[in-house]
Each structure stands twice: as C-alpha cells, then as structure tokens.
Amino acid sequence: MRTRVLALRCTSFIQGSVKEVQQLNHRTSRILPNTSDTMIVRVAAFLSLLAVSCLGESCTDPVITPSAYTTSDAVISSESVFIVELSLTCANGAQSVTLYADVNGRQFPVTRGQDVGKYQVSWSLPHKQATSGSYQVKFFDEESYSALRKAQRNNEDINAIQPLFSVNIDHRGAWNGPWVSTEVVAALIGILVYYLAFSAKSTIQA
C-alpha cells in the first residue's frame, strides 16, 4: 500500500515535470528554432530514474546475522534496555531496504547504519515489565508494515501478516542488587562487633 502511494506520487511528479519541460521547450523553440527534441527524452529518462529512487527497495530471501544486548543490572539504570543489531543481505542485491520492528504488538523504527546492510533497533521497558525469557522481534518491510498497521486499525489478526524475518533474543532479567542493603549489613556488623567487645570486657572483669 505504502509502496503504491509512493509510486503514484513519483509518477505524478514525473508527469508534471515533463509537461513543464515541454512548455519550456516550446517557448525555447521560438527563440532557438534549432533546439532538438532530444532534450525532452533525456529529461524524461532522468525523471524516470528519479522515480525509481523514490521507491524503497524490496528484499528477497533475506540472510541475517543478528546480535543483541539487554540490561543485566537494574541498579545502574531505571529501565531495561534492549538493542538488536543485524547485518542484512538480500538475494536480489537490495541495499536500501526500509525496515520496521514489532515486539509484542509495539512498533519501533529501525535505524540504518552507515555501512551497507547494517541495521539497529532499540527499545526500553520498566524493570518489572521486562521479565526474563525470550523476546521475538519481527522485522517488516514497507509493504508488510503498511498491512500490519492497517490490520491494527481494523482490529484484525496481526499474526496473519508475515514479517520479512524474525529474531529471537534471550533476556535473563535485570539484577536488582542484594536482598539486604549494604547499610543494613554494615549496621549489623557494627552491632555484632560491639556485642563481642562488650562480652569480652564482661568476661575479663569477672
């Protein structure tokens, strides 16, 4: 759906630009009768290439190499952070694939790296909601993502929309620190030392 909308926009742009070029050529021919019509052909060809660049590339038979990071220490952060990085290779050689990620019904934009085929997506959850276990990250291209959003708006089954590929990441949960704070431990040790010293003093005096 989104791809068709982009195509219509690019086509409309081409048609309007060609008309302007034709009008310009008509006005120019009055002044320069020897002007060739080849200019229109060249401009039209250029605009056609421009239209192709307007459209996002589609990826066939994707091959991915993923890596993931999740927060393991809840003491040093207020939320659990999830980061997925991946390298994408397409059988058709596509290099400018626009991706979107879905995690448990929440969508996130996928950032394209500086290197070709490199992508990254990240999100965060409160520690209590980021339970330990496996998280499935579904990646969609523009067309399938548009279908996913439409299904959500119409309260349809989003599981019927097939992603381009999926990545499973394991989250072991975030460590919340010791059950007893260091202040309490220090206080207990102080009380114990005082008790032992008091007991030893009482024994000596006796």
C-alpha atoms as a PDB file:
ATOM      1  CA  MET A   1       0.000   0.000   0.000  1.00  0.00           C
ATOM      2  CA  ARG A   2       2.675   2.457   1.004  1.00  0.00           C
ATOM      3  CA  THR A   3       4.785   1.484  -1.962  1.00  0.00           C
ATOM      4  CA  ARG A   4       1.862   2.157  -4.312  1.00  0.00           C
ATOM      5  CA  VAL A   5       1.309   5.570  -2.730  1.00  0.00           C
ATOM      6  CA  LEU A   6       4.960   6.454  -3.246  1.00  0.00           C
ATOM      7  CA  ALA A   7       4.745   5.225  -6.815  1.00  0.00           C
ATOM      8  CA  LEU A   8       1.723   7.434  -7.513  1.00  0.00           C
ATOM      9  CA  ARG A   9       3.494  10.442  -6.038  1.00  0.00           C
ATOM     10  CA  CYS A  10       6.596   9.832  -8.115  1.00  0.00           C
ATOM     11  CA  THR A  11       4.527   9.264 -11.271  1.00  0.00           C
ATOM     12  CA  SER A  12       2.590  12.471 -10.681  1.00  0.00           C
ATOM     13  CA  PHE A  13       5.872  14.290 -10.195  1.00  0.00           C
ATOM     14  CA  ILE A  14       7.224  12.936 -13.478  1.00  0.00           C
ATOM     15  CA  GLN A  15       4.102  13.859 -15.440  1.00  0.00           C
ATOM     16  CA  GLY A  16       4.078  17.386 -14.084  1.00  0.00           C
ATOM     17  CA  SER A  17       7.784  17.839 -14.715  1.00  0.00           C
ATOM     18  CA  VAL A  18       7.549  16.539 -18.289  1.00  0.00           C
ATOM     19  CA  LYS A  19       4.734  18.997 -19.049  1.00  0.00           C
ATOM     20  CA  GLU A  20       6.853  21.835 -17.714  1.00  0.00           C
ATOM     21  CA  VAL A  21       9.787  20.702 -19.846  1.00  0.00           C
ATOM     22  CA  GLN A  22       7.555  20.534 -22.932  1.00  0.00           C
ATOM     23  CA  GLN A  23       6.274  24.044 -22.302  1.00  0.00           C
ATOM     24  CA  LEU A  24       9.807  25.266 -21.760  1.00  0.00           C
ATOM     25  CA  ASN A  25      10.953  23.588 -24.972  1.00  0.00           C
ATOM     26  CA  HIS A  26       8.037  25.152 -26.873  1.00  0.00           C
ATOM     27  CA  ARG A  27       8.961  28.614 -25.662  1.00  0.00           C
ATOM     28  CA  THR A  28      12.638  27.991 -26.350  1.00  0.00           C
ATOM     29  CA  SER A  29      11.986  26.787 -29.908  1.00  0.00           C
ATOM     30  CA  ARG A  30      10.502  30.157 -30.755  1.00  0.00           C
ATOM     31  CA  ILE A  31      13.761  31.801 -29.850  1.00  0.00           C
ATOM     32  CA  LEU A  32      16.093  28.981 -30.932  1.00  0.00           C
ATOM     33  CA  PRO A  33      14.448  27.108 -33.821  1.00  0.00           C
ATOM     34  CA  ASN A  34      17.281  24.569 -33.979  1.00  0.00           C
ATOM     35  CA  THR A  35      16.629  23.252 -30.477  1.00  0.00           C
ATOM     36  CA  SER A  36      16.375  19.452 -30.608  1.00  0.00           C
ATOM     37  CA  ASP A  37      13.561  17.397 -29.074  1.00  0.00           C
ATOM     38  CA  THR A  38      16.256  15.128 -27.663  1.00  0.00           C
ATOM     39  CA  MET A  39      16.293  17.310 -24.579  1.00  0.00           C
ATOM     40  CA  ILE A  40      12.807  16.125 -23.627  1.00  0.00           C
ATOM     41  CA  VAL A  41      13.827  12.498 -23.999  1.00  0.00           C
ATOM     42  CA  ARG A  42      16.889  12.985 -21.828  1.00  0.00           C
ATOM     43  CA  VAL A  43      14.954  14.814 -19.134  1.00  0.00           C
ATOM     44  CA  ALA A  44      12.204  12.169 -19.159  1.00  0.00           C
ATOM     45  CA  ALA A  45      14.805   9.428 -18.757  1.00  0.00           C
ATOM     46  CA  PHE A  46      16.366  11.296 -15.853  1.00  0.00           C
ATOM     47  CA  LEU A  47      12.996  11.721 -14.165  1.00  0.00           C
ATOM     48  CA  SER A  48      12.284   8.017 -14.602  1.00  0.00           C
ATOM     49  CA  LEU A  49      15.480   7.173 -12.768  1.00  0.00           C
ATOM     50  CA  LEU A  50      14.470   9.657 -10.094  1.00  0.00           C
ATOM     51  CA  ALA A  51      11.134   7.902  -9.707  1.00  0.00           C
ATOM     52  CA  VAL A  52      12.870   4.586  -9.153  1.00  0.00           C
ATOM     53  CA  SER A  53      14.972   6.148  -6.414  1.00  0.00           C
ATOM     54  CA  CYS A  54      11.779   7.372  -4.723  1.00  0.00           C
ATOM     55  CA  LEU A  55      10.688   3.801  -4.049  1.00  0.00           C
ATOM     56  CA  GLY A  56      12.080   1.697  -1.228  1.00  0.00           C
ATOM     57  CA  GLU A  57      13.813  -1.476  -2.318  1.00  0.00           C
ATOM     58  CA  SER A  58      12.289  -4.859  -1.597  1.00  0.00           C
ATOM     59  CA  CYS A  59      14.397  -7.701  -0.224  1.00  0.00           C
ATOM     60  CA  THR A  60      14.114 -11.305  -1.400  1.00  0.00           C
ATOM     61  CA  ASP A  61      15.430 -14.321   0.525  1.00  0.00           C
ATOM     62  CA  PRO A  62      16.983 -12.269   3.354  1.00  0.00           C
ATOM     63  CA  VAL A  63      20.026 -13.627   5.174  1.00  0.00           C
ATOM     64  CA  ILE A  64      20.719 -12.046   8.567  1.00  0.00           C
ATOM     65  CA  THR A  65      23.475 -12.084  11.169  1.00  0.00           C
ATOM     66  CA  PRO A  66      21.983 -10.722  14.406  1.00  0.00           C
ATOM     67  CA  SER A  67      23.440  -9.756  17.767  1.00  0.00           C
ATOM     68  CA  ALA A  68      21.615  -8.499  20.852  1.00  0.00           C
ATOM     69  CA  TYR A  69      22.185  -6.728  24.163  1.00  0.00           C
ATOM     70  CA  THR A  70      19.850  -6.441  27.156  1.00  0.00           C
ATOM     71  CA  THR A  71      20.257  -4.736  30.513  1.00  0.00           C
ATOM     72  CA  SER A  72      21.567  -7.103  33.180  1.00  0.00           C
ATOM     73  CA  ASP A  73      21.922  -4.712  36.141  1.00  0.00           C
ATOM     74  CA  ALA A  74      18.837  -2.855  37.351  1.00  0.00           C
ATOM     75  CA  VAL A  75      20.840  -0.945  39.953  1.00  0.00           C
ATOM     76  CA  ILE A  76      22.615   1.295  37.444  1.00  0.00           C
ATOM     77  CA  SER A  77      19.623   2.002  35.158  1.00  0.00           C
ATOM     78  CA  SER A  78      15.984   2.967  35.586  1.00  0.00           C
ATOM     79  CA  GLU A  79      14.720   0.731  32.742  1.00  0.00           C
ATOM     80  CA  SER A  80      15.737  -2.418  30.929  1.00  0.00           C
ATOM     81  CA  VAL A  81      17.167  -1.615  27.502  1.00  0.00           C
ATOM     82  CA  PHE A  82      17.008  -3.974  24.524  1.00  0.00           C
ATOM     83  CA  ILE A  83      19.273  -3.469  21.495  1.00  0.00           C
ATOM     84  CA  VAL A  84      19.281  -5.628  18.366  1.00  0.00           C
ATOM     85  CA  GLU A  85      21.905  -5.146  15.671  1.00  0.00           C
ATOM     86  CA  LEU A  86      21.950  -7.124  12.464  1.00  0.00           C
ATOM     87  CA  SER A  87      23.587  -7.455   9.099  1.00  0.00           C
ATOM     88  CA  LEU A  88      21.159  -7.996   6.208  1.00  0.00           C
ATOM     89  CA  THR A  89      21.948  -9.485   2.818  1.00  0.00           C
ATOM     90  CA  CYS A  90      19.298  -9.855   0.102  1.00  0.00           C
ATOM     91  CA  ALA A  91      19.375 -12.347  -2.754  1.00  0.00           C
ATOM     92  CA  ASN A  92      18.333  -9.621  -5.195  1.00  0.00           C
ATOM     93  CA  GLY A  93      21.136  -7.323  -4.020  1.00  0.00           C
ATOM     94  CA  ALA A  94      18.844  -4.719  -2.438  1.00  0.00           C
ATOM     95  CA  GLN A  95      20.804  -2.312  -0.240  1.00  0.00           C
ATOM     96  CA  SER A  96      18.286   0.399   0.711  1.00  0.00           C
ATOM     97  CA  VAL A  97      15.620  -1.664   2.447  1.00  0.00           C
ATOM     98  CA  THR A  98      13.447   0.250   4.917  1.00  0.00           C
ATOM     99  CA  LEU A  99      12.646  -1.857   7.971  1.00  0.00           C
ATOM    100  CA  TYR A 100      10.280  -1.625  10.928  1.00  0.00           C
ATOM    101  CA  ALA A 101      10.326  -3.770  14.069  1.00  0.00           C
ATOM    102  CA  ASP A 102       7.439  -5.190  16.084  1.00  0.00           C
ATOM    103  CA  VAL A 103       7.802  -6.526  19.621  1.00  0.00           C
ATOM    104  CA  ASN A 104       4.674  -7.844  21.327  1.00  0.00           C
ATOM    105  CA  GLY A 105       2.435  -5.524  19.329  1.00  0.00           C
ATOM    106  CA  ARG A 106       4.618  -2.427  19.719  1.00  0.00           C
ATOM    107  CA  GLN A 107       6.292  -0.985  16.629  1.00  0.00           C
ATOM    108  CA  PHE A 108       9.681   0.696  16.528  1.00  0.00           C
ATOM    109  CA  PRO A 109      11.622   2.316  13.667  1.00  0.00           C
ATOM    110  CA  VAL A 110      14.775   0.529  12.586  1.00  0.00           C
ATOM    111  CA  THR A 111      17.860   2.687  12.105  1.00  0.00           C
ATOM    112  CA  ARG A 112      20.012   2.040   9.073  1.00  0.00           C
ATOM    113  CA  GLY A 113      23.741   2.089   9.781  1.00  0.00           C
ATOM    114  CA  GLN A 114      26.451   3.821   7.806  1.00  0.00           C
ATOM    115  CA  ASP A 115      27.679   0.519   6.419  1.00  0.00           C
ATOM    116  CA  VAL A 116      25.578  -1.201   3.769  1.00  0.00           C
ATOM    117  CA  GLY A 117      23.217  -3.784   5.200  1.00  0.00           C
ATOM    118  CA  LYS A 118      23.690  -2.747   8.841  1.00  0.00           C
ATOM    119  CA  TYR A 119      20.591  -2.065  10.968  1.00  0.00           C
ATOM    120  CA  GLN A 120      19.793  -1.400  14.618  1.00  0.00           C
ATOM    121  CA  VAL A 121      16.629  -1.184  16.698  1.00  0.00           C
ATOM    122  CA  SER A 122      16.294  -0.460  20.408  1.00  0.00           C
ATOM    123  CA  TRP A 123      13.562  -0.050  22.994  1.00  0.00           C
ATOM    124  CA  SER A 124      13.179   0.002  26.760  1.00  0.00           C
ATOM    125  CA  LEU A 125      10.773  -1.318  29.377  1.00  0.00           C
ATOM    126  CA  PRO A 126      10.366  -0.808  33.124  1.00  0.00           C
ATOM    127  CA  HIS A 127      12.273  -3.496  35.000  1.00  0.00           C
ATOM    128  CA  LYS A 128       9.077  -5.062  36.346  1.00  0.00           C
ATOM    129  CA  GLN A 129       7.674  -5.438  32.820  1.00  0.00           C
ATOM    130  CA  ALA A 130      10.932  -6.725  31.329  1.00  0.00           C
ATOM    131  CA  THR A 131      10.538 -10.256  32.591  1.00  0.00           C
ATOM    132  CA  SER A 132      13.187 -12.839  31.825  1.00  0.00           C
ATOM    133  CA  GLY A 133      12.627 -15.039  28.805  1.00  0.00           C
ATOM    134  CA  SER A 134      12.711 -14.987  25.014  1.00  0.00           C
ATOM    135  CA  TYR A 135      11.530 -11.976  23.020  1.00  0.00           C
ATOM    136  CA  GLN A 136      10.611 -12.281  19.340  1.00  0.00           C
ATOM    137  CA  VAL A 137      11.431  -9.246  17.215  1.00  0.00           C
ATOM    138  CA  LYS A 138       9.588  -9.222  13.889  1.00  0.00           C
ATOM    139  CA  PHE A 139      11.021  -7.138  11.061  1.00  0.00           C
ATOM    140  CA  PHE A 140       8.775  -5.787   8.296  1.00  0.00           C
ATOM    141  CA  ASP A 141       9.489  -4.005   5.033  1.00  0.00           C
ATOM    142  CA  GLU A 142       7.371  -1.028   3.928  1.00  0.00           C
ATOM    143  CA  GLU A 143       4.627  -3.056   2.258  1.00  0.00           C
ATOM    144  CA  SER A 144       4.143  -5.604   5.037  1.00  0.00           C
ATOM    145  CA  TYR A 145       4.412  -2.886   7.700  1.00  0.00           C
ATOM    146  CA  SER A 146       1.620  -0.941   5.996  1.00  0.00           C
ATOM    147  CA  ALA A 147      -0.510  -4.101   6.043  1.00  0.00           C
ATOM    148  CA  LEU A 148       0.315  -4.586   9.732  1.00  0.00           C
ATOM    149  CA  ARG A 149      -0.778  -1.061  10.656  1.00  0.00           C
ATOM    150  CA  LYS A 150      -3.979  -1.465   8.662  1.00  0.00           C
ATOM    151  CA  ALA A 151      -4.764  -4.713  10.483  1.00  0.00           C
ATOM    152  CA  GLN A 152      -4.224  -2.982  13.824  1.00  0.00           C
ATOM    153  CA  ARG A 153      -6.543  -0.109  12.916  1.00  0.00           C
ATOM    154  CA  ASN A 154      -9.260  -2.539  11.819  1.00  0.00           C
ATOM    155  CA  ASN A 155      -8.778  -4.817  14.854  1.00  0.00           C
ATOM    156  CA  GLU A 156      -7.819  -7.695  12.572  1.00  0.00           C
ATOM    157  CA  ASP A 157      -5.486 -10.592  13.307  1.00  0.00           C
ATOM    158  CA  ILE A 158      -1.988  -9.128  13.034  1.00  0.00           C
ATOM    159  CA  ASN A 159      -0.454 -12.599  13.258  1.00  0.00           C
ATOM    160  CA  ALA A 160      -1.717 -13.183   9.720  1.00  0.00           C
ATOM    161  CA  ILE A 161       0.770 -10.568   8.457  1.00  0.00           C
ATOM    162  CA  GLN A 162       4.041 -12.336   7.722  1.00  0.00           C
ATOM    163  CA  PRO A 163       7.222 -10.412   8.586  1.00  0.00           C
ATOM    164  CA  LEU A 164      10.243 -10.273   6.330  1.00  0.00           C
ATOM    165  CA  PHE A 165      12.181 -12.139   9.038  1.00  0.00           C
ATOM    166  CA  SER A 166      12.272 -12.539  12.823  1.00  0.00           C
ATOM    167  CA  VAL A 167      14.950 -12.511  15.517  1.00  0.00           C
ATOM    168  CA  ASN A 168      14.640 -14.136  18.949  1.00  0.00           C
ATOM    169  CA  ILE A 169      16.636 -12.638  21.820  1.00  0.00           C
ATOM    170  CA  ASP A 170      17.048 -14.006  25.339  1.00  0.00           C
ATOM    171  CA  HIS A 171      16.731 -11.706  28.345  1.00  0.00           C
ATOM    172  CA  ARG A 172      17.920 -13.153  31.650  1.00  0.00           C
ATOM    173  CA  GLY A 173      16.353 -10.365  33.653  1.00  0.00           C
ATOM    174  CA  ALA A 174      17.999  -7.470  35.439  1.00  0.00           C
ATOM    175  CA  TRP A 175      19.795  -7.933  38.758  1.00  0.00           C
ATOM    176  CA  ASN A 176      18.254  -5.710  41.433  1.00  0.00           C
ATOM    177  CA  GLY A 177      21.150  -5.904  43.865  1.00  0.00           C
ATOM    178  CA  PRO A 178      21.409  -7.815  47.154  1.00  0.00           C
ATOM    179  CA  TRP A 179      18.296  -8.561  49.191  1.00  0.00           C
ATOM    180  CA  VAL A 180      19.779  -6.606  52.107  1.00  0.00           C
ATOM    181  CA  SER A 181      21.291  -3.184  51.501  1.00  0.00           C
ATOM    182  CA  THR A 182      24.929  -2.515  52.355  1.00  0.00           C
ATOM    183  CA  GLU A 183      23.847  -0.007  55.007  1.00  0.00           C
ATOM    184  CA  VAL A 184      21.894  -2.685  56.865  1.00  0.00           C
ATOM    185  CA  VAL A 185      24.795  -5.139  56.604  1.00  0.00           C
ATOM    186  CA  ALA A 186      27.208  -2.529  57.966  1.00  0.00           C
ATOM    187  CA  ALA A 187      24.861  -1.785  60.874  1.00  0.00           C
ATOM    188  CA  LEU A 188      24.530  -5.484  61.744  1.00  0.00           C
ATOM    189  CA  ILE A 189      28.298  -5.945  61.662  1.00  0.00           C
ATOM    190  CA  GLY A 190      28.712  -2.929  63.929  1.00  0.00           C
ATOM    191  CA  ILE A 191      26.213  -4.333  66.417  1.00  0.00           C
ATOM    192  CA  LEU A 192      27.935  -7.731  66.343  1.00  0.00           C
ATOM    193  CA  VAL A 193      31.370  -6.185  66.959  1.00  0.00           C
ATOM    194  CA  TYR A 194      30.002  -4.109  69.827  1.00  0.00           C
ATOM    195  CA  TYR A 195      28.361  -7.202  71.355  1.00  0.00           C
ATOM    196  CA  LEU A 196      31.565  -9.250  71.120  1.00  0.00           C
ATOM    197  CA  ALA A 197      33.600  -6.428  72.626  1.00  0.00           C
ATOM    198  CA  PHE A 198      31.094  -5.965  75.439  1.00  0.00           C
ATOM    199  CA  SER A 199      31.056  -9.718  76.124  1.00  0.00           C
ATOM    200  CA  ALA A 200      34.861  -9.879  76.208  1.00  0.00           C
ATOM    201  CA  LYS A 201      35.024  -6.921  78.583  1.00  0.00           C
ATOM    202  CA  SER A 202      32.470  -8.510  80.907  1.00  0.00           C
ATOM    203  CA  THR A 203      34.445 -11.769  80.929  1.00  0.00           C
ATOM    204  CA  ILE A 204      37.699 -10.007  81.801  1.00  0.00           C
ATOM    205  CA  GLN A 205      36.111  -8.022  84.611  1.00  0.00           C
ATOM    206  CA  ALA A 206      34.583 -11.159  86.036  1.00  0.00           C
END
